[in-house]
Structure formats: C-alpha cells, structure tokens
PDB file of N, CA and C in Angstrom:
ATOM      1  N   MET A   1      76.978 120.425   9.192  1.00  0.00           N
ATOM      2  CA  MET A   1      75.924 121.384   8.991  1.00  0.00           C
ATOM      3  C   MET A   1      75.062 120.939   7.812  1.00  0.00           C
ATOM      4  N   ALA A   2      73.774 120.828   8.015  1.00  0.00           N
ATOM      5  CA  ALA A   2      72.860 120.399   6.967  1.00  0.00           C
ATOM      6  C   ALA A   2      72.561 121.574   6.041  1.00  0.00           C
ATOM      7  N   GLU A   3      72.635 121.301   4.758  1.00  0.00           N
ATOM      8  CA  GLU A   3      72.328 122.328   3.777  1.00  0.00           C
ATOM      9  C   GLU A   3      70.890 122.166   3.320  1.00  0.00           C
ATOM     10  N   LYS A   4      70.256 123.274   2.983  1.00  0.00           N
ATOM     11  CA  LYS A   4      68.882 123.258   2.514  1.00  0.00           C
ATOM     12  C   LYS A   4      68.848 123.881   1.128  1.00  0.00           C
ATOM     13  N   LEU A   5      68.154 123.215   0.209  1.00  0.00           N
ATOM     14  CA  LEU A   5      68.022 123.725  -1.155  1.00  0.00           C
ATOM     15  C   LEU A   5      66.601 124.213  -1.378  1.00  0.00           C
ATOM     16  N   GLU A   6      66.486 125.359  -1.994  1.00  0.00           N
ATOM     17  CA  GLU A   6      65.184 125.881  -2.384  1.00  0.00           C
ATOM     18  C   GLU A   6      65.237 126.145  -3.883  1.00  0.00           C
ATOM     19  N   PRO A   7      64.628 125.243  -4.692  1.00  0.00           N
ATOM     20  CA  PRO A   7      64.684 125.423  -6.136  1.00  0.00           C
ATOM     21  C   PRO A   7      63.936 126.680  -6.573  1.00  0.00           C
ATOM     22  N   LEU A   8      64.398 127.273  -7.650  1.00  0.00           N
ATOM     23  CA  LEU A   8      63.785 128.485  -8.188  1.00  0.00           C
ATOM     24  C   LEU A   8      62.825 128.136  -9.325  1.00  0.00           C
ATOM     25  N   ALA A   9      61.840 128.978  -9.514  1.00  0.00           N
ATOM     26  CA  ALA A   9      60.873 128.897 -10.619  1.00  0.00           C
ATOM     27  C   ALA A   9      60.259 127.504 -10.722  1.00  0.00           C
ATOM     28  N   ASP A  10      60.374 126.875 -11.908  1.00  0.00           N
ATOM     29  CA  ASP A  10      59.734 125.574 -12.133  1.00  0.00           C
ATOM     30  C   ASP A  10      60.714 124.411 -11.976  1.00  0.00           C
ATOM     31  N   ARG A  11      61.695 124.577 -11.122  1.00  0.00           N
ATOM     32  CA  ARG A  11      62.681 123.520 -10.905  1.00  0.00           C
ATOM     33  C   ARG A  11      62.311 122.674  -9.688  1.00  0.00           C
ATOM     34  N   VAL A  12      62.793 121.429  -9.699  1.00  0.00           N
ATOM     35  CA  VAL A  12      62.599 120.509  -8.579  1.00  0.00           C
ATOM     36  C   VAL A  12      63.937 119.860  -8.242  1.00  0.00           C
ATOM     37  N   VAL A  13      64.067 119.404  -6.992  1.00  0.00           N
ATOM     38  CA  VAL A  13      65.240 118.632  -6.577  1.00  0.00           C
ATOM     39  C   VAL A  13      64.765 117.194  -6.412  1.00  0.00           C
ATOM     40  N   VAL A  14      65.461 116.270  -7.075  1.00  0.00           N
ATOM     41  CA  VAL A  14      65.069 114.864  -7.091  1.00  0.00           C
ATOM     42  C   VAL A  14      66.203 114.007  -6.522  1.00  0.00           C
ATOM     43  N   ARG A  15      65.820 113.066  -5.645  1.00  0.00           N
ATOM     44  CA  ARG A  15      66.765 112.064  -5.151  1.00  0.00           C
ATOM     45  C   ARG A  15      66.588 110.826  -6.034  1.00  0.00           C
ATOM     46  N   PRO A  16      67.572 110.513  -6.899  1.00  0.00           N
ATOM     47  CA  PRO A  16      67.439 109.345  -7.768  1.00  0.00           C
ATOM     48  C   PRO A  16      67.326 108.064  -6.947  1.00  0.00           C
ATOM     49  N   ILE A  17      66.498 107.145  -7.436  1.00  0.00           N
ATOM     50  CA  ILE A  17      66.341 105.849  -6.787  1.00  0.00           C
ATOM     51  C   ILE A  17      67.168 104.856  -7.571  1.00  0.00           C
ATOM     52  N   GLU A  18      68.227 104.403  -6.949  1.00  0.00           N
ATOM     53  CA  GLU A  18      69.128 103.437  -7.581  1.00  0.00           C
ATOM     54  C   GLU A  18      68.532 102.044  -7.454  1.00  0.00           C
ATOM     55  N   LYS A  19      68.472 101.326  -8.558  1.00  0.00           N
ATOM     56  CA  LYS A  19      67.993  99.948  -8.524  1.00  0.00           C
ATOM     57  C   LYS A  19      69.212  99.042  -8.571  1.00  0.00           C
ATOM     58  N   GLU A  20      69.231  98.048  -7.676  1.00  0.00           N
ATOM     59  CA  GLU A  20      70.347  97.114  -7.678  1.00  0.00           C
ATOM     60  C   GLU A  20      70.228  96.244  -8.914  1.00  0.00           C
ATOM     61  N   GLU A  21      71.248  96.270  -9.719  1.00  0.00           N
ATOM     62  CA  GLU A  21      71.210  95.524 -10.960  1.00  0.00           C
ATOM     63  C   GLU A  21      71.967  94.216 -10.801  1.00  0.00           C
ATOM     64  N   VAL A  22      71.260  93.136 -11.089  1.00  0.00           N
ATOM     65  CA  VAL A  22      71.834  91.801 -11.011  1.00  0.00           C
ATOM     66  C   VAL A  22      71.611  91.132 -12.354  1.00  0.00           C
ATOM     67  N   SER A  23      72.638  90.504 -12.860  1.00  0.00           N
ATOM     68  CA  SER A  23      72.513  89.805 -14.142  1.00  0.00           C
ATOM     69  C   SER A  23      71.657  88.555 -13.960  1.00  0.00           C
ATOM     70  N   LYS A  24      71.261  87.947 -15.075  1.00  0.00           N
ATOM     71  CA  LYS A  24      70.454  86.729 -15.012  1.00  0.00           C
ATOM     72  C   LYS A  24      71.179  85.614 -14.269  1.00  0.00           C
ATOM     73  N   GLY A  25      72.493  85.636 -14.299  1.00  0.00           N
ATOM     74  CA  GLY A  25      73.288  84.619 -13.614  1.00  0.00           C
ATOM     75  C   GLY A  25      73.514  84.934 -12.144  1.00  0.00           C
ATOM     76  N   GLY A  26      72.983  86.067 -11.654  1.00  0.00           N
ATOM     77  CA  GLY A  26      73.099  86.418 -10.242  1.00  0.00           C
ATOM     78  C   GLY A  26      74.300  87.279  -9.903  1.00  0.00           C
ATOM     79  N   ILE A  27      75.008  87.762 -10.906  1.00  0.00           N
ATOM     80  CA  ILE A  27      76.179  88.598 -10.663  1.00  0.00           C
ATOM     81  C   ILE A  27      75.733  90.045 -10.501  1.00  0.00           C
ATOM     82  N   ILE A  28      76.167  90.690  -9.417  1.00  0.00           N
ATOM     83  CA  ILE A  28      75.840  92.095  -9.190  1.00  0.00           C
ATOM     84  C   ILE A  28      76.729  92.942 -10.093  1.00  0.00           C
ATOM     85  N   LEU A  29      76.080  93.809 -10.872  1.00  0.00           N
ATOM     86  CA  LEU A  29      76.819  94.627 -11.825  1.00  0.00           C
ATOM     87  C   LEU A  29      77.476  95.815 -11.136  1.00  0.00           C
ATOM     88  N   PRO A  30      78.696  96.168 -11.523  1.00  0.00           N
ATOM     89  CA  PRO A  30      79.357  97.336 -10.931  1.00  0.00           C
ATOM     90  C   PRO A  30      78.698  98.627 -11.419  1.00  0.00           C
ATOM     91  N   ASP A  31      78.961  99.729 -10.711  1.00  0.00           N
ATOM     92  CA  ASP A  31      78.368 101.021 -11.065  1.00  0.00           C
ATOM     93  C   ASP A  31      78.617 101.411 -12.513  1.00  0.00           C
ATOM     94  N   THR A  32      79.780 101.068 -13.045  1.00  0.00           N
ATOM     95  CA  THR A  32      80.117 101.464 -14.414  1.00  0.00           C
ATOM     96  C   THR A  32      79.252 100.743 -15.448  1.00  0.00           C
ATOM     97  N   ALA A  33      78.675  99.603 -15.088  1.00  0.00           N
ATOM     98  CA  ALA A  33      77.840  98.838 -16.019  1.00  0.00           C
ATOM     99  C   ALA A  33      76.354  99.126 -15.847  1.00  0.00           C
ATOM    100  N   LYS A  34      76.004  99.870 -14.814  1.00  0.00           N
ATOM    101  CA  LYS A  34      74.588 100.160 -14.553  1.00  0.00           C
ATOM    102  C   LYS A  34      74.101 101.287 -15.441  1.00  0.00           C
ATOM    103  N   GLU A  35      72.798 101.239 -15.744  1.00  0.00           N
ATOM    104  CA  GLU A  35      72.186 102.349 -16.479  1.00  0.00           C
ATOM    105  C   GLU A  35      71.892 103.479 -15.516  1.00  0.00           C
ATOM    106  N   LYS A  36      71.871 104.679 -16.047  1.00  0.00           N
ATOM    107  CA  LYS A  36      71.557 105.856 -15.251  1.00  0.00           C
ATOM    108  C   LYS A  36      70.102 105.757 -14.789  1.00  0.00           C
ATOM    109  N   PRO A  37      69.822 106.023 -13.493  1.00  0.00           N
ATOM    110  CA  PRO A  37      68.436 105.905 -13.025  1.00  0.00           C
ATOM    111  C   PRO A  37      67.528 106.923 -13.700  1.00  0.00           C
ATOM    112  N   GLN A  38      66.255 106.539 -13.861  1.00  0.00           N
ATOM    113  CA  GLN A  38      65.263 107.424 -14.458  1.00  0.00           C
ATOM    114  C   GLN A  38      64.080 107.603 -13.530  1.00  0.00           C
ATOM    115  N   GLU A  39      64.224 107.175 -12.299  1.00  0.00           N
ATOM    116  CA  GLU A  39      63.149 107.305 -11.328  1.00  0.00           C
ATOM    117  C   GLU A  39      63.718 107.916 -10.066  1.00  0.00           C
ATOM    118  N   GLY A  40      62.909 108.741  -9.403  1.00  0.00           N
ATOM    119  CA  GLY A  40      63.382 109.358  -8.185  1.00  0.00           C
ATOM    120  C   GLY A  40      62.244 109.907  -7.352  1.00  0.00           C
ATOM    121  N   GLU A  41      62.622 110.426  -6.184  1.00  0.00           N
ATOM    122  CA  GLU A  41      61.668 111.027  -5.263  1.00  0.00           C
ATOM    123  C   GLU A  41      61.933 112.521  -5.188  1.00  0.00           C
ATOM    124  N   ILE A  42      60.884 113.304  -5.300  1.00  0.00           N
ATOM    125  CA  ILE A  42      61.028 114.759  -5.231  1.00  0.00           C
ATOM    126  C   ILE A  42      61.210 115.154  -3.769  1.00  0.00           C
ATOM    127  N   ILE A  43      62.291 115.910  -3.497  1.00  0.00           N
ATOM    128  CA  ILE A  43      62.554 116.334  -2.122  1.00  0.00           C
ATOM    129  C   ILE A  43      62.405 117.845  -1.937  1.00  0.00           C
ATOM    130  N   ALA A  44      62.300 118.603  -3.037  1.00  0.00           N
ATOM    131  CA  ALA A  44      62.057 120.046  -2.952  1.00  0.00           C
ATOM    132  C   ALA A  44      61.429 120.517  -4.260  1.00  0.00           C
ATOM    133  N   VAL A  45      60.498 121.475  -4.154  1.00  0.00           N
ATOM    134  CA  VAL A  45      59.771 121.987  -5.314  1.00  0.00           C
ATOM    135  C   VAL A  45      59.826 123.505  -5.302  1.00  0.00           C
ATOM    136  N   GLY A  46      60.106 124.075  -6.463  1.00  0.00           N
ATOM    137  CA  GLY A  46      60.104 125.530  -6.595  1.00  0.00           C
ATOM    138  C   GLY A  46      58.688 126.084  -6.579  1.00  0.00           C
ATOM    139  N   PRO A  47      58.554 127.402  -6.560  1.00  0.00           N
ATOM    140  CA  PRO A  47      57.233 128.024  -6.471  1.00  0.00           C
ATOM    141  C   PRO A  47      56.423 127.957  -7.763  1.00  0.00           C
ATOM    142  N   GLY A  48      57.044 127.643  -8.881  1.00  0.00           N
ATOM    143  CA  GLY A  48      56.346 127.587 -10.165  1.00  0.00           C
ATOM    144  C   GLY A  48      56.864 128.654 -11.110  1.00  0.00           C
ATOM    145  N   LYS A  49      56.576 128.460 -12.377  1.00  0.00           N
ATOM    146  CA  LYS A  49      57.055 129.364 -13.421  1.00  0.00           C
ATOM    147  C   LYS A  49      56.226 130.649 -13.433  1.00  0.00           C
ATOM    148  N   MET A  50      56.894 131.768 -13.655  1.00  0.00           N
ATOM    149  CA  MET A  50      56.243 133.068 -13.743  1.00  0.00           C
ATOM    150  C   MET A  50      55.884 133.333 -15.210  1.00  0.00           C
ATOM    151  N   THR A  51      54.638 133.708 -15.442  1.00  0.00           N
ATOM    152  CA  THR A  51      54.205 134.008 -16.807  1.00  0.00           C
ATOM    153  C   THR A  51      54.551 135.451 -17.159  1.00  0.00           C
ATOM    154  N   ASP A  52      54.361 135.813 -18.423  1.00  0.00           N
ATOM    155  CA  ASP A  52      54.670 137.168 -18.878  1.00  0.00           C
ATOM    156  C   ASP A  52      53.802 138.227 -18.201  1.00  0.00           C
ATOM    157  N   ASP A  53      52.578 137.834 -17.811  1.00  0.00           N
ATOM    158  CA  ASP A  53      51.688 138.810 -17.176  1.00  0.00           C
ATOM    159  C   ASP A  53      51.856 138.870 -15.655  1.00  0.00           C
ATOM    160  N   GLY A  54      52.842 138.134 -15.121  1.00  0.00           N
ATOM    161  CA  GLY A  54      53.159 138.224 -13.698  1.00  0.00           C
ATOM    162  C   GLY A  54      52.462 137.224 -12.796  1.00  0.00           C
ATOM    163  N   THR A  55      51.677 136.324 -13.358  1.00  0.00           N
ATOM    164  CA  THR A  55      51.050 135.291 -12.526  1.00  0.00           C
ATOM    165  C   THR A  55      51.968 134.076 -12.467  1.00  0.00           C
ATOM    166  N   ARG A  56      51.841 133.334 -11.393  1.00  0.00           N
ATOM    167  CA  ARG A  56      52.697 132.159 -11.205  1.00  0.00           C
ATOM    168  C   ARG A  56      51.887 130.902 -11.500  1.00  0.00           C
ATOM    169  N   LEU A  57      52.455 130.017 -12.335  1.00  0.00           N
ATOM    170  CA  LEU A  57      51.811 128.750 -12.670  1.00  0.00           C
ATOM    171  C   LEU A  57      52.110 127.736 -11.572  1.00  0.00           C
ATOM    172  N   ALA A  58      51.075 127.057 -11.097  1.00  0.00           N
ATOM    173  CA  ALA A  58      51.239 126.057 -10.039  1.00  0.00           C
ATOM    174  C   ALA A  58      51.994 124.840 -10.576  1.00  0.00           C
ATOM    175  N   MET A  59      52.752 124.201  -9.699  1.00  0.00           N
ATOM    176  CA  MET A  59      53.498 123.002 -10.066  1.00  0.00           C
ATOM    177  C   MET A  59      52.559 121.791 -10.017  1.00  0.00           C
ATOM    178  N   ASP A  60      52.795 120.809 -10.902  1.00  0.00           N
ATOM    179  CA  ASP A  60      51.996 119.580 -10.932  1.00  0.00           C
ATOM    180  C   ASP A  60      52.551 118.501 -10.025  1.00  0.00           C
ATOM    181  N   VAL A  61      53.725 118.715  -9.458  1.00  0.00           N
ATOM    182  CA  VAL A  61      54.348 117.715  -8.588  1.00  0.00           C
ATOM    183  C   VAL A  61      54.536 118.309  -7.190  1.00  0.00           C
ATOM    184  N   ASN A  62      54.657 117.416  -6.206  1.00  0.00           N
ATOM    185  CA  ASN A  62      54.817 117.822  -4.815  1.00  0.00           C
ATOM    186  C   ASN A  62      55.965 117.060  -4.181  1.00  0.00           C
ATOM    187  N   VAL A  63      56.431 117.549  -3.055  1.00  0.00           N
ATOM    188  CA  VAL A  63      57.458 116.848  -2.286  1.00  0.00           C
ATOM    189  C   VAL A  63      56.916 115.472  -1.915  1.00  0.00           C
ATOM    190  N   GLY A  64      57.743 114.455  -2.103  1.00  0.00           N
ATOM    191  CA  GLY A  64      57.346 113.084  -1.779  1.00  0.00           C
ATOM    192  C   GLY A  64      56.865 112.289  -2.977  1.00  0.00           C
ATOM    193  N   ASP A  65      56.545 112.952  -4.094  1.00  0.00           N
ATOM    194  CA  ASP A  65      56.100 112.234  -5.289  1.00  0.00           C
ATOM    195  C   ASP A  65      57.253 111.420  -5.863  1.00  0.00           C
ATOM    196  N   ARG A  66      56.935 110.194  -6.326  1.00  0.00           N
ATOM    197  CA  ARG A  66      57.903 109.396  -7.077  1.00  0.00           C
ATOM    198  C   ARG A  66      57.653 109.669  -8.539  1.00  0.00           C
ATOM    199  N   VAL A  67      58.701 110.037  -9.246  1.00  0.00           N
ATOM    200  CA  VAL A  67      58.555 110.458 -10.636  1.00  0.00           C
ATOM    201  C   VAL A  67      59.498 109.694 -11.549  1.00  0.00           C
ATOM    202  N   ILE A  68      59.137 109.670 -12.820  1.00  0.00           N
ATOM    203  CA  ILE A  68      59.992 109.117 -13.876  1.00  0.00           C
ATOM    204  C   ILE A  68      60.396 110.298 -14.742  1.00  0.00           C
ATOM    205  N   TYR A  69      61.694 110.432 -14.975  1.00  0.00           N
ATOM    206  CA  TYR A  69      62.207 111.585 -15.702  1.00  0.00           C
ATOM    207  C   TYR A  69      63.079 111.146 -16.867  1.00  0.00           C
ATOM    208  N   ALA A  70      63.365 112.077 -17.760  1.00  0.00           N
ATOM    209  CA  ALA A  70      64.198 111.796 -18.927  1.00  0.00           C
ATOM    210  C   ALA A  70      65.574 111.304 -18.490  1.00  0.00           C
ATOM    211  N   LYS A  71      66.140 110.407 -19.258  1.00  0.00           N
ATOM    212  CA  LYS A  71      67.386 109.732 -18.880  1.00  0.00           C
ATOM    213  C   LYS A  71      68.527 110.686 -18.545  1.00  0.00           C
ATOM    214  N   TYR A  72      68.713 111.719 -19.303  1.00  0.00           N
ATOM    215  CA  TYR A  72      69.830 112.644 -19.064  1.00  0.00           C
ATOM    216  C   TYR A  72      69.342 114.008 -18.583  1.00  0.00           C
ATOM    217  N   ALA A  73      68.241 114.008 -17.856  1.00  0.00           N
ATOM    218  CA  ALA A  73      67.643 115.261 -17.384  1.00  0.00           C
ATOM    219  C   ALA A  73      68.398 115.817 -16.188  1.00  0.00           C
ATOM    220  N   GLY A  74      68.360 117.112 -16.063  1.00  0.00           N
ATOM    221  CA  GLY A  74      68.837 117.777 -14.862  1.00  0.00           C
ATOM    222  C   GLY A  74      70.337 117.920 -14.734  1.00  0.00           C
ATOM    223  N   THR A  75      70.691 118.571 -13.644  1.00  0.00           N
ATOM    224  CA  THR A  75      72.084 118.794 -13.285  1.00  0.00           C
ATOM    225  C   THR A  75      72.361 118.039 -11.996  1.00  0.00           C
ATOM    226  N   GLU A  76      73.384 117.201 -12.030  1.00  0.00           N
ATOM    227  CA  GLU A  76      73.712 116.407 -10.843  1.00  0.00           C
ATOM    228  C   GLU A  76      74.548 117.242  -9.880  1.00  0.00           C
ATOM    229  N   ILE A  77      74.151 117.224  -8.620  1.00  0.00           N
ATOM    230  CA  ILE A  77      74.905 117.908  -7.569  1.00  0.00           C
ATOM    231  C   ILE A  77      75.125 116.923  -6.434  1.00  0.00           C
ATOM    232  N   LYS A  78      76.063 117.251  -5.565  1.00  0.00           N
ATOM    233  CA  LYS A  78      76.344 116.383  -4.426  1.00  0.00           C
ATOM    234  C   LYS A  78      76.294 117.244  -3.173  1.00  0.00           C
ATOM    235  N   ILE A  79      75.399 116.884  -2.247  1.00  0.00           N
ATOM    236  CA  ILE A  79      75.269 117.609  -0.984  1.00  0.00           C
ATOM    237  C   ILE A  79      75.326 116.587   0.141  1.00  0.00           C
ATOM    238  N   ASN A  80      76.221 116.809   1.094  1.00  0.00           N
ATOM    239  CA  ASN A  80      76.406 115.886   2.222  1.00  0.00           C
ATOM    240  C   ASN A  80      76.591 114.450   1.736  1.00  0.00           C
ATOM    241  N   GLU A  81      77.410 114.276   0.710  1.00  0.00           N
ATOM    242  CA  GLU A  81      77.742 112.966   0.136  1.00  0.00           C
ATOM    243  C   GLU A  81      76.547 112.273  -0.516  1.00  0.00           C
ATOM    244  N   GLU A  82      75.471 113.003  -0.794  1.00  0.00           N
ATOM    245  CA  GLU A  82      74.294 112.438  -1.451  1.00  0.00           C
ATOM    246  C   GLU A  82      74.152 113.054  -2.838  1.00  0.00           C
ATOM    247  N   LYS A  83      73.977 112.196  -3.856  1.00  0.00           N
ATOM    248  CA  LYS A  83      73.790 112.677  -5.226  1.00  0.00           C
ATOM    249  C   LYS A  83      72.330 113.065  -5.419  1.00  0.00           C
ATOM    250  N   LEU A  84      72.125 114.284  -5.909  1.00  0.00           N
ATOM    251  CA  LEU A  84      70.789 114.805  -6.177  1.00  0.00           C
ATOM    252  C   LEU A  84      70.761 115.387  -7.582  1.00  0.00           C
ATOM    253  N   LEU A  85      69.558 115.556  -8.124  1.00  0.00           N
ATOM    254  CA  LEU A  85      69.384 116.182  -9.429  1.00  0.00           C
ATOM    255  C   LEU A  85      68.504 117.412  -9.289  1.00  0.00           C
ATOM    256  N   ILE A  86      68.874 118.481  -9.971  1.00  0.00           N
ATOM    257  CA  ILE A  86      68.014 119.650 -10.084  1.00  0.00           C
ATOM    258  C   ILE A  86      67.568 119.697 -11.539  1.00  0.00           C
ATOM    259  N   MET A  87      66.247 119.708 -11.754  1.00  0.00           N
ATOM    260  CA  MET A  87      65.728 119.688 -13.123  1.00  0.00           C
ATOM    261  C   MET A  87      64.467 120.543 -13.228  1.00  0.00           C
ATOM    262  N   HIS A  88      64.124 120.883 -14.455  1.00  0.00           N
ATOM    263  CA  HIS A  88      62.876 121.584 -14.718  1.00  0.00           C
ATOM    264  C   HIS A  88      61.725 120.588 -14.614  1.00  0.00           C
ATOM    265  N   GLU A  89      60.576 121.090 -14.218  1.00  0.00           N
ATOM    266  CA  GLU A  89      59.391 120.232 -14.129  1.00  0.00           C
ATOM    267  C   GLU A  89      59.091 119.583 -15.476  1.00  0.00           C
ATOM    268  N   SER A  90      59.396 120.252 -16.564  1.00  0.00           N
ATOM    269  CA  SER A  90      59.120 119.715 -17.901  1.00  0.00           C
ATOM    270  C   SER A  90      59.959 118.480 -18.229  1.00  0.00           C
ATOM    271  N   ASP A  91      61.049 118.232 -17.478  1.00  0.00           N
ATOM    272  CA  ASP A  91      61.860 117.033 -17.684  1.00  0.00           C
ATOM    273  C   ASP A  91      61.224 115.800 -17.044  1.00  0.00           C
ATOM    274  N   ILE A  92      60.202 116.012 -16.214  1.00  0.00           N
ATOM    275  CA  ILE A  92      59.503 114.900 -15.568  1.00  0.00           C
ATOM    276  C   ILE A  92      58.431 114.410 -16.524  1.00  0.00           C
ATOM    277  N   MET A  93      58.457 113.096 -16.794  1.00  0.00           N
ATOM    278  CA  MET A  93      57.533 112.530 -17.777  1.00  0.00           C
ATOM    279  C   MET A  93      56.292 111.932 -17.132  1.00  0.00           C
ATOM    280  N   ALA A  94      56.376 111.469 -15.877  1.00  0.00           N
ATOM    281  CA  ALA A  94      55.223 110.837 -15.234  1.00  0.00           C
ATOM    282  C   ALA A  94      55.428 110.792 -13.730  1.00  0.00           C
ATOM    283  N   LYS A  95      54.300 110.707 -13.015  1.00  0.00           N
ATOM    284  CA  LYS A  95      54.320 110.454 -11.578  1.00  0.00           C
ATOM    285  C   LYS A  95      53.932 109.003 -11.378  1.00  0.00           C
ATOM    286  N   ARG A  96      54.612 108.333 -10.464  1.00  0.00           N
ATOM    287  CA  ARG A  96      54.256 106.953 -10.153  1.00  0.00           C
ATOM    288  C   ARG A  96      53.179 106.999  -9.077  1.00  0.00           C
ATOM    289  N   MET A  97      51.999 106.499  -9.424  1.00  0.00           N
ATOM    290  CA  MET A  97      50.864 106.534  -8.510  1.00  0.00           C
ATOM    291  C   MET A  97      50.904 105.312  -7.599  1.00  0.00           C
ATOM    292  N   LYS A  98      50.563 105.516  -6.336  1.00  0.00           N
ATOM    293  CA  LYS A  98      50.504 104.410  -5.388  1.00  0.00           C
ATOM    294  C   LYS A  98      49.239 103.608  -5.653  1.00  0.00           C
ATOM    295  N   ASN A  99      49.295 102.287  -5.342  1.00  0.00           N
ATOM    296  CA  ASN A  99      48.102 101.455  -5.454  1.00  0.00           C
ATOM    297  C   ASN A  99      47.101 101.919  -4.417  1.00  0.00           C
ATOM    298  N   VAL A 100      45.866 102.047  -4.832  1.00  0.00           N
ATOM    299  CA  VAL A 100      44.833 102.497  -3.915  1.00  0.00           C
ATOM    300  C   VAL A 100      43.718 101.472  -3.853  1.00  0.00           C
ATOM    301  N   GLY A 101      43.057 101.401  -2.725  1.00  0.00           N
ATOM    302  CA  GLY A 101      41.934 100.490  -2.549  1.00  0.00           C
ATOM    303  C   GLY A 101      40.660 101.095  -3.081  1.00  0.00           C
ATOM    304  N   LYS A 102      39.559 100.362  -2.933  1.00  0.00           N
ATOM    305  CA  LYS A 102      38.271 100.825  -3.434  1.00  0.00           C
ATOM    306  C   LYS A 102      37.817 102.099  -2.732  1.00  0.00           C
ATOM    307  N   ASN A 103      38.232 102.310  -1.483  1.00  0.00           N
ATOM    308  CA  ASN A 103      37.819 103.502  -0.742  1.00  0.00           C
ATOM    309  C   ASN A 103      38.326 104.782  -1.373  1.00  0.00           C
ATOM    310  N   HIS A 104      39.429 104.690  -2.108  1.00  0.00           N
ATOM    311  CA  HIS A 104      40.031 105.879  -2.694  1.00  0.00           C
ATOM    312  C   HIS A 104      39.737 106.012  -4.181  1.00  0.00           C
ATOM    313  N   ALA A 105      38.847 105.180  -4.702  1.00  0.00           N
ATOM    314  CA  ALA A 105      38.586 105.183  -6.143  1.00  0.00           C
ATOM    315  C   ALA A 105      38.088 106.535  -6.622  1.00  0.00           C
ATOM    316  N   SER A 106      37.239 107.192  -5.860  1.00  0.00           N
ATOM    317  CA  SER A 106      36.715 108.488  -6.306  1.00  0.00           C
ATOM    318  C   SER A 106      37.808 109.543  -6.327  1.00  0.00           C
ATOM    319  N   ALA A 107      38.734 109.487  -5.356  1.00  0.00           N
ATOM    320  CA  ALA A 107      39.847 110.439  -5.343  1.00  0.00           C
ATOM    321  C   ALA A 107      40.740 110.230  -6.557  1.00  0.00           C
ATOM    322  N   VAL A 108      40.981 108.978  -6.915  1.00  0.00           N
ATOM    323  CA  VAL A 108      41.801 108.678  -8.087  1.00  0.00           C
ATOM    324  C   VAL A 108      41.096 109.166  -9.344  1.00  0.00           C
ATOM    325  N   LYS A 109      39.781 108.940  -9.428  1.00  0.00           N
ATOM    326  CA  LYS A 109      39.029 109.386 -10.595  1.00  0.00           C
ATOM    327  C   LYS A 109      39.094 110.905 -10.732  1.00  0.00           C
ATOM    328  N   ASP A 110      38.961 111.617  -9.601  1.00  0.00           N
ATOM    329  CA  ASP A 110      39.071 113.074  -9.634  1.00  0.00           C
ATOM    330  C   ASP A 110      40.444 113.508 -10.128  1.00  0.00           C
ATOM    331  N   GLU A 111      41.480 112.818  -9.654  1.00  0.00           N
ATOM    332  CA  GLU A 111      42.851 113.138 -10.058  1.00  0.00           C
ATOM    333  C   GLU A 111      43.037 112.887 -11.548  1.00  0.00           C
ATOM    334  N   GLU A 112      42.464 111.779 -12.052  1.00  0.00           N
ATOM    335  CA  GLU A 112      42.565 111.471 -13.473  1.00  0.00           C
ATOM    336  C   GLU A 112      41.877 112.539 -14.312  1.00  0.00           C
ATOM    337  N   GLU A 113      40.698 112.975 -13.870  1.00  0.00           N
ATOM    338  CA  GLU A 113      39.976 114.000 -14.615  1.00  0.00           C
ATOM    339  C   GLU A 113      40.727 115.325 -14.599  1.00  0.00           C
ATOM    340  N   LYS A 114      41.397 115.592 -13.484  1.00  0.00           N
ATOM    341  CA  LYS A 114      42.135 116.838 -13.345  1.00  0.00           C
ATOM    342  C   LYS A 114      43.379 116.864 -14.238  1.00  0.00           C
ATOM    343  N   HIS A 115      44.097 115.739 -14.291  1.00  0.00           N
ATOM    344  CA  HIS A 115      45.398 115.718 -14.966  1.00  0.00           C
ATOM    345  C   HIS A 115      45.439 114.859 -16.213  1.00  0.00           C
ATOM    346  N   GLY A 116      44.361 114.204 -16.569  1.00  0.00           N
ATOM    347  CA  GLY A 116      44.373 113.332 -17.742  1.00  0.00           C
ATOM    348  C   GLY A 116      44.414 111.878 -17.327  1.00  0.00           C
ATOM    349  N   LYS A 117      44.438 110.997 -18.294  1.00  0.00           N
ATOM    350  CA  LYS A 117      44.375 109.559 -18.048  1.00  0.00           C
ATOM    351  C   LYS A 117      45.654 109.047 -17.405  1.00  0.00           C
ATOM    352  N   THR A 118      45.525 107.974 -16.647  1.00  0.00           N
ATOM    353  CA  THR A 118      46.685 107.293 -16.074  1.00  0.00           C
ATOM    354  C   THR A 118      46.817 105.937 -16.731  1.00  0.00           C
ATOM    355  N   VAL A 119      47.958 105.304 -16.531  1.00  0.00           N
ATOM    356  CA  VAL A 119      48.211 103.994 -17.082  1.00  0.00           C
ATOM    357  C   VAL A 119      48.512 103.035 -15.957  1.00  0.00           C
ATOM    358  N   ASN A 120      47.785 101.918 -15.892  1.00  0.00           N
ATOM    359  CA  ASN A 120      48.071 100.908 -14.878  1.00  0.00           C
ATOM    360  C   ASN A 120      49.211 100.032 -15.351  1.00  0.00           C
ATOM    361  N   LEU A 121      50.185  99.813 -14.481  1.00  0.00           N
ATOM    362  CA  LEU A 121      51.341  98.983 -14.826  1.00  0.00           C
ATOM    363  C   LEU A 121      51.261  97.665 -14.123  1.00  0.00           C
TER     364      LEU A 121
END
C-alpha cells in the first residue's frame, strides 16, 4: 500500500540525492565514510505558514524543485524503504536552477527580479 504525505504549514518533504563517492584512487567509499547529502528533490509542499492575522504566506518552492539544504536539516523518515526528509522551508538555502537557452532568458530575468539575484555555477 502506497503511503501519501501531506506536509503541514511551511514544511516540505525532500528526497535526498545521494552522490556516489569515489576516492581519487577509484575506491568507492562505504556509506559510513560518505558525507550526509545536502541536495534533494522536493516531492511534497505544505500550504504555507499562517500569519498572526490569518493570511497564508505562499511557499517559494514547488514539487520537483532541486534544492540545497542545511547539512543537518529536517527529520529523517523512512516510507516504503525510501529515506525522506521533512523540513521547514527556512532550512532550504537555495534552489538549483536548470540551464536555460536564450529563448527563456526573459523568464529567468523575471524570476531573478522576483526572488533576487542568482549565482551561475
């Protein structure tokens, strides 16, 4: 039976993206030697935080976004043998933007103006 999670308030459910770690000599590192992942994909988003006056603040992230989060953020849960994290939106430090062509430059510019500057990596 598949379970469905619906995060509350300003919480999100993130599927961590594990990176295969290989040493410079080509040796695959065991799980105990790997660093905790700090990147993941959002698979569920709560409705947003409720303010004191009763209005709901919109979330800045959406399902499908790849995000970078604080190293020890969230609560780890296991559903159907899959490790997931439930965390507050404030634990997310950045969204990883997809590379876009010249056709989408205006959309990216609008997004930058809406949310602030981005950094090209």
